[in-house]
Amino acid sequence: MGQASEWVGVLGWSGEASVGKLNLNGHRAVGVWLRGLLYTRDGFKRVPALVLNAQPDVQAAYLHGYYAGDGLKAGNGTSIKTNSAVLAQGLYWLYAGRGRCSSVSIEQRNGRVYFQLNVRAADTGAKGQHLSRDPAEVRAVSPMEAPDEWVFDLATDSGVFMAGVGRVVVHNSPRRGVEFVTRKITDAVARIHLGLQHELRLGNLDAKRDWGWAPDYVRAMWLMLQHDEPDDFVIATGETHSVQRFCDIAFGHVGLDWRDHVVQDERYMRPAEVDLLVGDPAKAGAKLGWEPTVTLDEMIKEMVDADIRLLGEERGL
């Protein structure tokens, strides 16, 4: 099949450690086979499937060898930078399997994207653990000048921080803008109740949405921040109700029948209407212990009462 020769030299950024090099000379088919293990069809490096499915000691040897040959000297602890997303995923998975979490930062340079893994040190026992700090922990938050939005500069020792995504499905409160259908309805109900308006024009009354109470959703956000590991969550009630049902509850709260006041207007009919939107909060319930505490009826009544109070204060009613 061919011949192999081994060379051992001094590690480039450390005069004390050594690194080995294996030269393979032989049949071309062997080279093609090895390249298929080490690279994707697009030419990006990857962790060989043989390693991903190997025993823990083999995976540990691979990580040791890879870091010795291609790790970064900069930074405290293990840091690796690569332009291969596939390799970064494989290394992340291998380190995670050994109980070492990684933070990942993305850098764009000269038209190329690079992925840097900053790997936390392995657990060395309980002694002194109360003094240890995650290099991705946010140390300082500094407001930045921006004319139209809030921008903050987050400072960490490693230059990156760990974060998760919270997908918050439609949430409501008396502070929601009147351009949204829920607040448009409660504002109109308050105006009709006070004699300031006579009708409400809406579009599709059959559209169904998952409407939740904003304070409940903020509580979910807080619970995400208390979670040990960054993760992605969907925050929703898991229930869906029609616009017509929303109108029925809102008008009924002040003793009115929505049919006497709501007019369906073609101008508000969306050409590409999404008939049904509903979220699944099961993961948030299982991992965060979160669940909504305010029902649809309670939310709508609170919003109607708030709009009545607001209009009364504005007009001295």
C-alpha atoms as a PDB file:
ATOM      1  CA  MET A   1       0.000   0.000   0.000  1.00  0.00           C
ATOM      2  CA  GLY A   2       2.923   2.371   0.543  1.00  0.00           C
ATOM      3  CA  GLN A   3       5.333   3.682   3.164  1.00  0.00           C
ATOM      4  CA  ALA A   4       4.983   5.983   6.153  1.00  0.00           C
ATOM      5  CA  SER A   5       7.630   8.070   7.916  1.00  0.00           C
ATOM      6  CA  GLU A   6       7.290  10.019  11.140  1.00  0.00           C
ATOM      7  CA  TRP A   7       8.920  13.333  11.990  1.00  0.00           C
ATOM      8  CA  VAL A   8       8.952  14.970  15.435  1.00  0.00           C
ATOM      9  CA  GLY A   9       9.790  18.638  15.932  1.00  0.00           C
ATOM     10  CA  VAL A  10       9.347  21.531  18.350  1.00  0.00           C
ATOM     11  CA  LEU A  11       5.883  23.040  18.617  1.00  0.00           C
ATOM     12  CA  GLY A  12       5.826  26.391  16.827  1.00  0.00           C
ATOM     13  CA  TRP A  13       4.670  28.598  19.693  1.00  0.00           C
ATOM     14  CA  SER A  14       6.168  26.585  22.547  1.00  0.00           C
ATOM     15  CA  GLY A  15       9.827  25.694  22.894  1.00  0.00           C
ATOM     16  CA  GLU A  16       9.029  22.985  25.424  1.00  0.00           C
ATOM     17  CA  ALA A  17       6.367  20.918  23.680  1.00  0.00           C
ATOM     18  CA  SER A  18       6.815  18.756  20.597  1.00  0.00           C
ATOM     19  CA  VAL A  19       4.626  17.991  17.616  1.00  0.00           C
ATOM     20  CA  GLY A  20       4.703  15.033  15.259  1.00  0.00           C
ATOM     21  CA  LYS A  21       4.228  14.853  11.508  1.00  0.00           C
ATOM     22  CA  LEU A  22       3.319  11.730   9.548  1.00  0.00           C
ATOM     23  CA  ASN A  23       4.341  11.502   5.893  1.00  0.00           C
ATOM     24  CA  LEU A  24       2.418   8.976   3.806  1.00  0.00           C
ATOM     25  CA  ASN A  25       3.715   7.822   0.419  1.00  0.00           C
ATOM     26  CA  GLY A  26       1.970   5.120  -1.508  1.00  0.00           C
ATOM     27  CA  HIS A  27      -1.084   4.191  -3.507  1.00  0.00           C
ATOM     28  CA  ARG A  28      -3.216   7.126  -4.668  1.00  0.00           C
ATOM     29  CA  ALA A  29      -6.390   5.379  -3.500  1.00  0.00           C
ATOM     30  CA  VAL A  30      -5.168   5.614   0.092  1.00  0.00           C
ATOM     31  CA  GLY A  31      -4.755   9.356  -0.261  1.00  0.00           C
ATOM     32  CA  VAL A  32      -8.231   9.699  -1.731  1.00  0.00           C
ATOM     33  CA  TRP A  33      -9.628   7.650   1.160  1.00  0.00           C
ATOM     34  CA  LEU A  34      -7.843   9.785   3.766  1.00  0.00           C
ATOM     35  CA  ARG A  35      -8.940  13.010   2.128  1.00  0.00           C
ATOM     36  CA  GLY A  36     -12.536  11.789   2.202  1.00  0.00           C
ATOM     37  CA  LEU A  37     -12.191  11.258   5.943  1.00  0.00           C
ATOM     38  CA  LEU A  38     -10.606  14.639   6.652  1.00  0.00           C
ATOM     39  CA  TYR A  39     -12.386  16.962   4.201  1.00  0.00           C
ATOM     40  CA  THR A  40     -15.909  17.603   2.960  1.00  0.00           C
ATOM     41  CA  ARG A  41     -16.738  17.609  -0.734  1.00  0.00           C
ATOM     42  CA  ASP A  42     -16.480  21.403  -0.613  1.00  0.00           C
ATOM     43  CA  GLY A  43     -12.902  21.171   0.639  1.00  0.00           C
ATOM     44  CA  PHE A  44     -13.505  22.105   4.277  1.00  0.00           C
ATOM     45  CA  LYS A  45     -11.835  20.249   7.133  1.00  0.00           C
ATOM     46  CA  ARG A  46     -13.939  18.039   9.364  1.00  0.00           C
ATOM     47  CA  VAL A  47     -13.583  15.636  12.259  1.00  0.00           C
ATOM     48  CA  PRO A  48     -13.469  12.130  10.730  1.00  0.00           C
ATOM     49  CA  ALA A  49     -16.579  10.047  11.305  1.00  0.00           C
ATOM     50  CA  LEU A  50     -14.272   7.335  12.665  1.00  0.00           C
ATOM     51  CA  VAL A  51     -13.287   9.708  15.480  1.00  0.00           C
ATOM     52  CA  LEU A  52     -16.828  10.893  16.162  1.00  0.00           C
ATOM     53  CA  ASN A  53     -17.875   7.263  16.680  1.00  0.00           C
ATOM     54  CA  ALA A  54     -14.703   6.147  18.487  1.00  0.00           C
ATOM     55  CA  GLN A  55     -14.108   5.362  22.147  1.00  0.00           C
ATOM     56  CA  PRO A  56     -13.483   8.296  24.540  1.00  0.00           C
ATOM     57  CA  ASP A  57      -9.730   7.618  24.767  1.00  0.00           C
ATOM     58  CA  VAL A  58      -9.406   7.803  20.973  1.00  0.00           C
ATOM     59  CA  GLN A  59     -11.390  11.051  20.890  1.00  0.00           C
ATOM     60  CA  ALA A  60      -9.178  12.491  23.635  1.00  0.00           C
ATOM     61  CA  ALA A  61      -6.050  11.570  21.660  1.00  0.00           C
ATOM     62  CA  TYR A  62      -7.485  13.228  18.553  1.00  0.00           C
ATOM     63  CA  LEU A  63      -8.254  16.450  20.447  1.00  0.00           C
ATOM     64  CA  HIS A  64      -4.790  16.484  21.988  1.00  0.00           C
ATOM     65  CA  GLY A  65      -3.141  15.993  18.618  1.00  0.00           C
ATOM     66  CA  TYR A  66      -5.334  18.487  16.802  1.00  0.00           C
ATOM     67  CA  TYR A  67      -4.778  21.213  19.381  1.00  0.00           C
ATOM     68  CA  ALA A  68      -1.027  20.598  19.427  1.00  0.00           C
ATOM     69  CA  GLY A  69      -0.890  20.993  15.669  1.00  0.00           C
ATOM     70  CA  ASP A  70      -3.499  23.660  15.002  1.00  0.00           C
ATOM     71  CA  GLY A  71      -4.466  25.330  18.288  1.00  0.00           C
ATOM     72  CA  LEU A  72      -4.099  29.016  19.111  1.00  0.00           C
ATOM     73  CA  LYS A  73      -1.551  30.272  21.585  1.00  0.00           C
ATOM     74  CA  ALA A  74      -3.563  33.419  22.337  1.00  0.00           C
ATOM     75  CA  GLY A  75      -6.060  33.363  25.185  1.00  0.00           C
ATOM     76  CA  ASN A  76      -6.248  31.413  28.408  1.00  0.00           C
ATOM     77  CA  GLY A  77      -7.242  27.795  27.986  1.00  0.00           C
ATOM     78  CA  THR A  78      -7.919  25.983  24.736  1.00  0.00           C
ATOM     79  CA  SER A  79      -8.676  28.121  21.678  1.00  0.00           C
ATOM     80  CA  ILE A  80      -9.087  26.915  18.099  1.00  0.00           C
ATOM     81  CA  LYS A  81      -9.842  28.919  14.960  1.00  0.00           C
ATOM     82  CA  THR A  82     -10.975  27.460  11.638  1.00  0.00           C
ATOM     83  CA  ASN A  83     -12.818  28.531   8.510  1.00  0.00           C
ATOM     84  CA  SER A  84     -14.706  25.225   8.457  1.00  0.00           C
ATOM     85  CA  ALA A  85     -18.105  25.266  10.150  1.00  0.00           C
ATOM     86  CA  VAL A  86     -18.208  21.459   9.909  1.00  0.00           C
ATOM     87  CA  LEU A  87     -14.901  21.102  11.754  1.00  0.00           C
ATOM     88  CA  ALA A  88     -15.969  23.630  14.398  1.00  0.00           C
ATOM     89  CA  GLN A  89     -19.168  21.647  15.011  1.00  0.00           C
ATOM     90  CA  GLY A  90     -17.263  18.393  15.331  1.00  0.00           C
ATOM     91  CA  LEU A  91     -14.701  19.826  17.746  1.00  0.00           C
ATOM     92  CA  TYR A  92     -17.459  21.474  19.788  1.00  0.00           C
ATOM     93  CA  TRP A  93     -19.239  18.116  20.066  1.00  0.00           C
ATOM     94  CA  LEU A  94     -16.080  16.251  21.074  1.00  0.00           C
ATOM     95  CA  TYR A  95     -15.169  18.753  23.784  1.00  0.00           C
ATOM     96  CA  ALA A  96     -18.761  18.825  25.064  1.00  0.00           C
ATOM     97  CA  GLY A  97     -18.683  15.043  25.363  1.00  0.00           C
ATOM     98  CA  ARG A  98     -15.711  15.420  27.694  1.00  0.00           C
ATOM     99  CA  GLY A  99     -17.545  17.910  29.894  1.00  0.00           C
ATOM    100  CA  ARG A 100     -15.843  20.981  28.424  1.00  0.00           C
ATOM    101  CA  CYS A 101     -18.234  23.624  27.138  1.00  0.00           C
ATOM    102  CA  SER A 102     -17.154  26.027  24.399  1.00  0.00           C
ATOM    103  CA  SER A 103     -18.123  29.537  23.441  1.00  0.00           C
ATOM    104  CA  VAL A 104     -18.075  30.204  19.699  1.00  0.00           C
ATOM    105  CA  SER A 105     -17.303  33.531  18.040  1.00  0.00           C
ATOM    106  CA  ILE A 106     -17.512  34.327  14.333  1.00  0.00           C
ATOM    107  CA  GLU A 107     -15.030  36.575  12.548  1.00  0.00           C
ATOM    108  CA  GLN A 108     -15.239  37.851   8.974  1.00  0.00           C
ATOM    109  CA  ARG A 109     -11.887  38.687   7.410  1.00  0.00           C
ATOM    110  CA  ASN A 110     -10.915  39.245   3.776  1.00  0.00           C
ATOM    111  CA  GLY A 111     -14.182  37.822   2.545  1.00  0.00           C
ATOM    112  CA  ARG A 112     -13.886  34.626   4.595  1.00  0.00           C
ATOM    113  CA  VAL A 113     -15.686  33.501   7.743  1.00  0.00           C
ATOM    114  CA  TYR A 114     -13.735  32.039  10.672  1.00  0.00           C
ATOM    115  CA  PHE A 115     -15.075  30.194  13.707  1.00  0.00           C
ATOM    116  CA  GLN A 116     -13.187  30.404  16.998  1.00  0.00           C
ATOM    117  CA  LEU A 117     -13.829  27.962  19.837  1.00  0.00           C
ATOM    118  CA  ASN A 118     -12.816  29.018  23.333  1.00  0.00           C
ATOM    119  CA  VAL A 119     -12.972  25.846  25.405  1.00  0.00           C
ATOM    120  CA  ARG A 120     -13.430  25.969  29.145  1.00  0.00           C
ATOM    121  CA  ALA A 121     -10.966  24.100  31.307  1.00  0.00           C
ATOM    122  CA  ALA A 122     -11.997  20.670  32.539  1.00  0.00           C
ATOM    123  CA  ASP A 123     -13.548  20.447  35.989  1.00  0.00           C
ATOM    124  CA  THR A 124     -10.784  19.979  38.546  1.00  0.00           C
ATOM    125  CA  GLY A 125     -12.989  19.269  41.531  1.00  0.00           C
ATOM    126  CA  ALA A 126     -15.000  21.240  44.042  1.00  0.00           C
ATOM    127  CA  LYS A 127     -12.059  22.990  45.720  1.00  0.00           C
ATOM    128  CA  GLY A 128     -11.820  26.587  44.574  1.00  0.00           C
ATOM    129  CA  GLN A 129     -14.710  26.260  42.132  1.00  0.00           C
ATOM    130  CA  HIS A 130     -16.516  29.145  43.805  1.00  0.00           C
ATOM    131  CA  LEU A 131     -13.656  31.375  42.619  1.00  0.00           C
ATOM    132  CA  SER A 132     -13.671  30.223  38.999  1.00  0.00           C
ATOM    133  CA  ARG A 133     -15.233  32.469  36.370  1.00  0.00           C
ATOM    134  CA  ASP A 134     -16.378  31.629  32.882  1.00  0.00           C
ATOM    135  CA  PRO A 135     -14.199  33.507  30.341  1.00  0.00           C
ATOM    136  CA  ALA A 136     -17.416  34.224  28.418  1.00  0.00           C
ATOM    137  CA  GLU A 137     -19.057  35.844  31.452  1.00  0.00           C
ATOM    138  CA  VAL A 138     -20.119  39.435  30.778  1.00  0.00           C
ATOM    139  CA  ARG A 139     -17.874  41.726  32.859  1.00  0.00           C
ATOM    140  CA  ALA A 140     -19.226  45.121  31.829  1.00  0.00           C
ATOM    141  CA  VAL A 141     -22.085  46.616  29.832  1.00  0.00           C
ATOM    142  CA  SER A 142     -21.433  50.083  28.401  1.00  0.00           C
ATOM    143  CA  PRO A 143     -24.177  52.087  26.642  1.00  0.00           C
ATOM    144  CA  MET A 144     -23.144  53.261  23.167  1.00  0.00           C
ATOM    145  CA  GLU A 145     -24.361  56.419  21.461  1.00  0.00           C
ATOM    146  CA  ALA A 146     -27.029  55.620  18.873  1.00  0.00           C
ATOM    147  CA  PRO A 147     -29.767  57.979  17.652  1.00  0.00           C
ATOM    148  CA  ASP A 148     -32.629  55.553  17.068  1.00  0.00           C
ATOM    149  CA  GLU A 149     -31.952  52.394  19.059  1.00  0.00           C
ATOM    150  CA  TRP A 150     -30.349  50.951  22.168  1.00  0.00           C
ATOM    151  CA  VAL A 151     -26.829  49.655  21.564  1.00  0.00           C
ATOM    152  CA  PHE A 152     -24.563  48.226  24.252  1.00  0.00           C
ATOM    153  CA  ASP A 153     -20.939  47.092  24.215  1.00  0.00           C
ATOM    154  CA  LEU A 154     -20.585  43.831  26.165  1.00  0.00           C
ATOM    155  CA  ALA A 155     -17.096  43.187  27.540  1.00  0.00           C
ATOM    156  CA  THR A 156     -15.828  39.693  28.447  1.00  0.00           C
ATOM    157  CA  ASP A 157     -12.357  38.302  29.108  1.00  0.00           C
ATOM    158  CA  SER A 158     -12.529  36.027  26.066  1.00  0.00           C
ATOM    159  CA  GLY A 159     -14.062  38.594  23.736  1.00  0.00           C
ATOM    160  CA  VAL A 160     -17.240  36.520  23.301  1.00  0.00           C
ATOM    161  CA  PHE A 161     -20.261  35.685  25.418  1.00  0.00           C
ATOM    162  CA  MET A 162     -22.717  32.810  25.413  1.00  0.00           C
ATOM    163  CA  ALA A 163     -26.315  33.523  24.460  1.00  0.00           C
ATOM    164  CA  GLY A 164     -29.500  31.732  23.528  1.00  0.00           C
ATOM    165  CA  VAL A 165     -32.457  32.691  21.377  1.00  0.00           C
ATOM    166  CA  GLY A 166     -35.888  33.249  22.895  1.00  0.00           C
ATOM    167  CA  ARG A 167     -38.642  33.218  20.274  1.00  0.00           C
ATOM    168  CA  VAL A 168     -41.464  35.162  21.916  1.00  0.00           C
ATOM    169  CA  VAL A 169     -44.810  34.582  20.195  1.00  0.00           C
ATOM    170  CA  VAL A 170     -47.314  37.493  20.125  1.00  0.00           C
ATOM    171  CA  HIS A 171     -47.481  39.019  23.606  1.00  0.00           C
ATOM    172  CA  ASN A 172     -49.812  41.791  24.741  1.00  0.00           C
ATOM    173  CA  SER A 173     -50.344  44.352  27.467  1.00  0.00           C
ATOM    174  CA  PRO A 174     -51.940  47.820  27.763  1.00  0.00           C
ATOM    175  CA  ARG A 175     -48.638  49.207  26.425  1.00  0.00           C
ATOM    176  CA  ARG A 176     -48.966  47.517  23.045  1.00  0.00           C
ATOM    177  CA  GLY A 177     -49.293  49.933  20.129  1.00  0.00           C
ATOM    178  CA  VAL A 178     -52.759  50.650  18.714  1.00  0.00           C
ATOM    179  CA  GLU A 179     -51.467  49.657  15.268  1.00  0.00           C
ATOM    180  CA  PHE A 180     -51.689  46.023  16.431  1.00  0.00           C
ATOM    181  CA  VAL A 181     -55.092  44.373  16.198  1.00  0.00           C
ATOM    182  CA  THR A 182     -55.364  43.416  19.883  1.00  0.00           C
ATOM    183  CA  ARG A 183     -54.800  46.937  21.172  1.00  0.00           C
ATOM    184  CA  LYS A 184     -56.816  48.365  18.265  1.00  0.00           C
ATOM    185  CA  ILE A 185     -59.775  46.321  19.501  1.00  0.00           C
ATOM    186  CA  THR A 186     -59.460  47.184  23.204  1.00  0.00           C
ATOM    187  CA  ASP A 187     -58.910  50.875  22.422  1.00  0.00           C
ATOM    188  CA  ALA A 188     -62.010  50.904  20.200  1.00  0.00           C
ATOM    189  CA  VAL A 189     -64.078  49.089  22.841  1.00  0.00           C
ATOM    190  CA  ALA A 190     -63.094  51.728  25.397  1.00  0.00           C
ATOM    191  CA  ARG A 191     -63.974  54.565  22.997  1.00  0.00           C
ATOM    192  CA  ILE A 192     -67.341  53.024  22.082  1.00  0.00           C
ATOM    193  CA  HIS A 193     -68.090  52.408  25.762  1.00  0.00           C
ATOM    194  CA  LEU A 194     -67.369  56.080  26.532  1.00  0.00           C
ATOM    195  CA  GLY A 195     -69.388  57.334  23.553  1.00  0.00           C
ATOM    196  CA  LEU A 196     -66.340  58.565  21.623  1.00  0.00           C
ATOM    197  CA  GLN A 197     -66.660  56.129  18.716  1.00  0.00           C
ATOM    198  CA  HIS A 198     -69.422  54.071  17.112  1.00  0.00           C
ATOM    199  CA  GLU A 199     -67.806  51.323  15.044  1.00  0.00           C
ATOM    200  CA  LEU A 200     -64.600  49.328  14.613  1.00  0.00           C
ATOM    201  CA  ARG A 201     -63.343  48.293  11.177  1.00  0.00           C
ATOM    202  CA  LEU A 202     -61.290  45.099  10.975  1.00  0.00           C
ATOM    203  CA  GLY A 203     -60.033  42.648   8.374  1.00  0.00           C
ATOM    204  CA  ASN A 204     -60.086  38.848   8.686  1.00  0.00           C
ATOM    205  CA  LEU A 205     -62.077  37.884  11.778  1.00  0.00           C
ATOM    206  CA  ASP A 206     -61.271  34.184  11.359  1.00  0.00           C
ATOM    207  CA  ALA A 207     -57.483  34.561  11.660  1.00  0.00           C
ATOM    208  CA  LYS A 208     -56.215  32.701  14.734  1.00  0.00           C
ATOM    209  CA  ARG A 209     -53.312  33.751  16.922  1.00  0.00           C
ATOM    210  CA  ASP A 210     -51.502  32.642  20.066  1.00  0.00           C
ATOM    211  CA  TRP A 211     -51.918  35.684  22.336  1.00  0.00           C
ATOM    212  CA  GLY A 212     -50.108  35.830  25.671  1.00  0.00           C
ATOM    213  CA  TRP A 213     -49.615  38.261  28.546  1.00  0.00           C
ATOM    214  CA  ALA A 214     -46.399  40.307  28.242  1.00  0.00           C
ATOM    215  CA  PRO A 215     -45.447  40.165  31.974  1.00  0.00           C
ATOM    216  CA  ASP A 216     -45.584  36.362  31.766  1.00  0.00           C
ATOM    217  CA  TYR A 217     -43.197  36.482  28.821  1.00  0.00           C
ATOM    218  CA  VAL A 218     -40.789  38.819  30.603  1.00  0.00           C
ATOM    219  CA  ARG A 219     -40.716  36.330  33.472  1.00  0.00           C
ATOM    220  CA  ALA A 220     -39.759  33.665  30.918  1.00  0.00           C
ATOM    221  CA  MET A 221     -36.909  35.878  29.694  1.00  0.00           C
ATOM    222  CA  TRP A 222     -35.641  36.186  33.271  1.00  0.00           C
ATOM    223  CA  LEU A 223     -35.799  32.406  33.704  1.00  0.00           C
ATOM    224  CA  MET A 224     -33.729  31.976  30.526  1.00  0.00           C
ATOM    225  CA  LEU A 225     -31.019  34.142  32.063  1.00  0.00           C
ATOM    226  CA  GLN A 226     -30.965  31.925  35.164  1.00  0.00           C
ATOM    227  CA  HIS A 227     -30.561  28.754  33.075  1.00  0.00           C
ATOM    228  CA  ASP A 228     -27.170  27.032  33.441  1.00  0.00           C
ATOM    229  CA  GLU A 229     -26.610  26.604  29.705  1.00  0.00           C
ATOM    230  CA  PRO A 230     -27.554  28.890  26.795  1.00  0.00           C
ATOM    231  CA  ASP A 231     -30.433  27.414  24.854  1.00  0.00           C
ATOM    232  CA  ASP A 232     -33.255  28.309  22.473  1.00  0.00           C
ATOM    233  CA  PHE A 233     -36.833  28.508  23.733  1.00  0.00           C
ATOM    234  CA  VAL A 234     -40.275  29.248  22.327  1.00  0.00           C
ATOM    235  CA  ILE A 235     -42.434  31.286  24.684  1.00  0.00           C
ATOM    236  CA  ALA A 236     -46.136  30.965  23.926  1.00  0.00           C
ATOM    237  CA  THR A 237     -49.419  29.912  25.522  1.00  0.00           C
ATOM    238  CA  GLY A 238     -49.889  26.926  23.233  1.00  0.00           C
ATOM    239  CA  GLU A 239     -53.488  28.049  22.639  1.00  0.00           C
ATOM    240  CA  THR A 240     -54.943  29.800  19.614  1.00  0.00           C
ATOM    241  CA  HIS A 241     -58.005  32.043  19.359  1.00  0.00           C
ATOM    242  CA  SER A 242     -59.670  33.924  16.519  1.00  0.00           C
ATOM    243  CA  VAL A 243     -59.940  37.686  16.134  1.00  0.00           C
ATOM    244  CA  GLN A 244     -63.702  37.225  16.430  1.00  0.00           C
ATOM    245  CA  ARG A 245     -63.272  35.504  19.797  1.00  0.00           C
ATOM    246  CA  PHE A 246     -61.069  38.388  20.955  1.00  0.00           C
ATOM    247  CA  CYS A 247     -63.802  40.863  19.950  1.00  0.00           C
ATOM    248  CA  ASP A 248     -66.473  38.817  21.711  1.00  0.00           C
ATOM    249  CA  ILE A 249     -64.585  38.900  25.016  1.00  0.00           C
ATOM    250  CA  ALA A 250     -63.575  42.565  24.749  1.00  0.00           C
ATOM    251  CA  PHE A 251     -67.032  43.929  23.881  1.00  0.00           C
ATOM    252  CA  GLY A 252     -68.729  41.548  26.288  1.00  0.00           C
ATOM    253  CA  HIS A 253     -66.626  42.929  29.146  1.00  0.00           C
ATOM    254  CA  VAL A 254     -68.452  46.282  28.862  1.00  0.00           C
ATOM    255  CA  GLY A 255     -71.857  44.755  28.154  1.00  0.00           C
ATOM    256  CA  LEU A 256     -71.815  45.189  24.368  1.00  0.00           C
ATOM    257  CA  ASP A 257     -72.305  42.805  21.442  1.00  0.00           C
ATOM    258  CA  TRP A 258     -69.425  42.982  18.973  1.00  0.00           C
ATOM    259  CA  ARG A 259     -71.799  42.307  16.060  1.00  0.00           C
ATOM    260  CA  ASP A 260     -73.385  45.716  16.610  1.00  0.00           C
ATOM    261  CA  HIS A 261     -70.104  47.584  16.217  1.00  0.00           C
ATOM    262  CA  VAL A 262     -67.558  45.591  14.176  1.00  0.00           C
ATOM    263  CA  VAL A 263     -67.479  46.122  10.406  1.00  0.00           C
ATOM    264  CA  GLN A 264     -65.392  43.848   8.205  1.00  0.00           C
ATOM    265  CA  ASP A 265     -63.485  46.080   5.791  1.00  0.00           C
ATOM    266  CA  GLU A 266     -61.767  44.765   2.649  1.00  0.00           C
ATOM    267  CA  ARG A 267     -59.036  47.376   3.059  1.00  0.00           C
ATOM    268  CA  TYR A 268     -57.736  45.490   6.081  1.00  0.00           C
ATOM    269  CA  MET A 269     -57.765  42.054   4.465  1.00  0.00           C
ATOM    270  CA  ARG A 270     -54.201  40.850   3.952  1.00  0.00           C
ATOM    271  CA  PRO A 271     -53.427  39.376   0.506  1.00  0.00           C
ATOM    272  CA  ALA A 272     -51.195  36.711   2.094  1.00  0.00           C
ATOM    273  CA  GLU A 273     -52.906  36.109   5.416  1.00  0.00           C
ATOM    274  CA  VAL A 274     -51.486  33.531   7.813  1.00  0.00           C
ATOM    275  CA  ASP A 275     -54.618  31.820   9.084  1.00  0.00           C
ATOM    276  CA  LEU A 276     -53.109  30.141  12.130  1.00  0.00           C
ATOM    277  CA  LEU A 277     -50.182  31.003  14.401  1.00  0.00           C
ATOM    278  CA  VAL A 278     -49.501  29.001  17.561  1.00  0.00           C
ATOM    279  CA  GLY A 279     -46.351  28.278  19.558  1.00  0.00           C
ATOM    280  CA  ASP A 280     -45.260  25.209  21.508  1.00  0.00           C
ATOM    281  CA  PRO A 281     -43.940  26.173  24.977  1.00  0.00           C
ATOM    282  CA  ALA A 282     -43.282  22.563  26.064  1.00  0.00           C
ATOM    283  CA  LYS A 283     -39.497  22.980  26.177  1.00  0.00           C
ATOM    284  CA  ALA A 284     -39.753  26.151  28.271  1.00  0.00           C
ATOM    285  CA  GLY A 285     -42.060  24.330  30.653  1.00  0.00           C
ATOM    286  CA  ALA A 286     -39.779  21.302  30.960  1.00  0.00           C
ATOM    287  CA  LYS A 287     -36.448  23.125  31.304  1.00  0.00           C
ATOM    288  CA  LEU A 288     -37.426  26.464  32.860  1.00  0.00           C
ATOM    289  CA  GLY A 289     -40.547  25.484  34.775  1.00  0.00           C
ATOM    290  CA  TRP A 290     -42.376  28.288  32.970  1.00  0.00           C
ATOM    291  CA  GLU A 291     -46.055  28.418  32.144  1.00  0.00           C
ATOM    292  CA  PRO A 292     -48.475  31.302  31.475  1.00  0.00           C
ATOM    293  CA  THR A 293     -50.432  32.528  34.497  1.00  0.00           C
ATOM    294  CA  VAL A 294     -52.915  34.914  32.838  1.00  0.00           C
ATOM    295  CA  THR A 295     -55.743  33.586  30.665  1.00  0.00           C
ATOM    296  CA  LEU A 296     -56.947  35.183  27.441  1.00  0.00           C
ATOM    297  CA  ASP A 297     -60.108  36.484  29.157  1.00  0.00           C
ATOM    298  CA  GLU A 298     -58.107  38.038  32.002  1.00  0.00           C
ATOM    299  CA  MET A 299     -55.642  39.653  29.598  1.00  0.00           C
ATOM    300  CA  ILE A 300     -58.345  41.192  27.394  1.00  0.00           C
ATOM    301  CA  LYS A 301     -60.327  42.539  30.347  1.00  0.00           C
ATOM    302  CA  GLU A 302     -57.182  44.102  31.819  1.00  0.00           C
ATOM    303  CA  MET A 303     -56.384  45.767  28.485  1.00  0.00           C
ATOM    304  CA  VAL A 304     -59.940  47.110  28.072  1.00  0.00           C
ATOM    305  CA  ASP A 305     -59.971  48.479  31.637  1.00  0.00           C
ATOM    306  CA  ALA A 306     -56.585  50.127  31.084  1.00  0.00           C
ATOM    307  CA  ASP A 307     -57.794  51.824  27.884  1.00  0.00           C
ATOM    308  CA  ILE A 308     -60.941  53.077  29.630  1.00  0.00           C
ATOM    309  CA  ARG A 309     -58.804  54.558  32.420  1.00  0.00           C
ATOM    310  CA  LEU A 310     -56.374  56.105  29.931  1.00  0.00           C
ATOM    311  CA  LEU A 311     -59.116  57.764  27.873  1.00  0.00           C
ATOM    312  CA  GLY A 312     -60.868  58.922  31.025  1.00  0.00           C
ATOM    313  CA  GLU A 313     -57.700  60.598  32.289  1.00  0.00           C
ATOM    314  CA  GLU A 314     -56.960  62.200  28.917  1.00  0.00           C
ATOM    315  CA  ARG A 315     -60.475  63.611  28.476  1.00  0.00           C
ATOM    316  CA  GLY A 316     -61.408  64.185  32.095  1.00  0.00           C
ATOM    317  CA  LEU A 317     -64.253  61.672  31.940  1.00  0.00           C
END
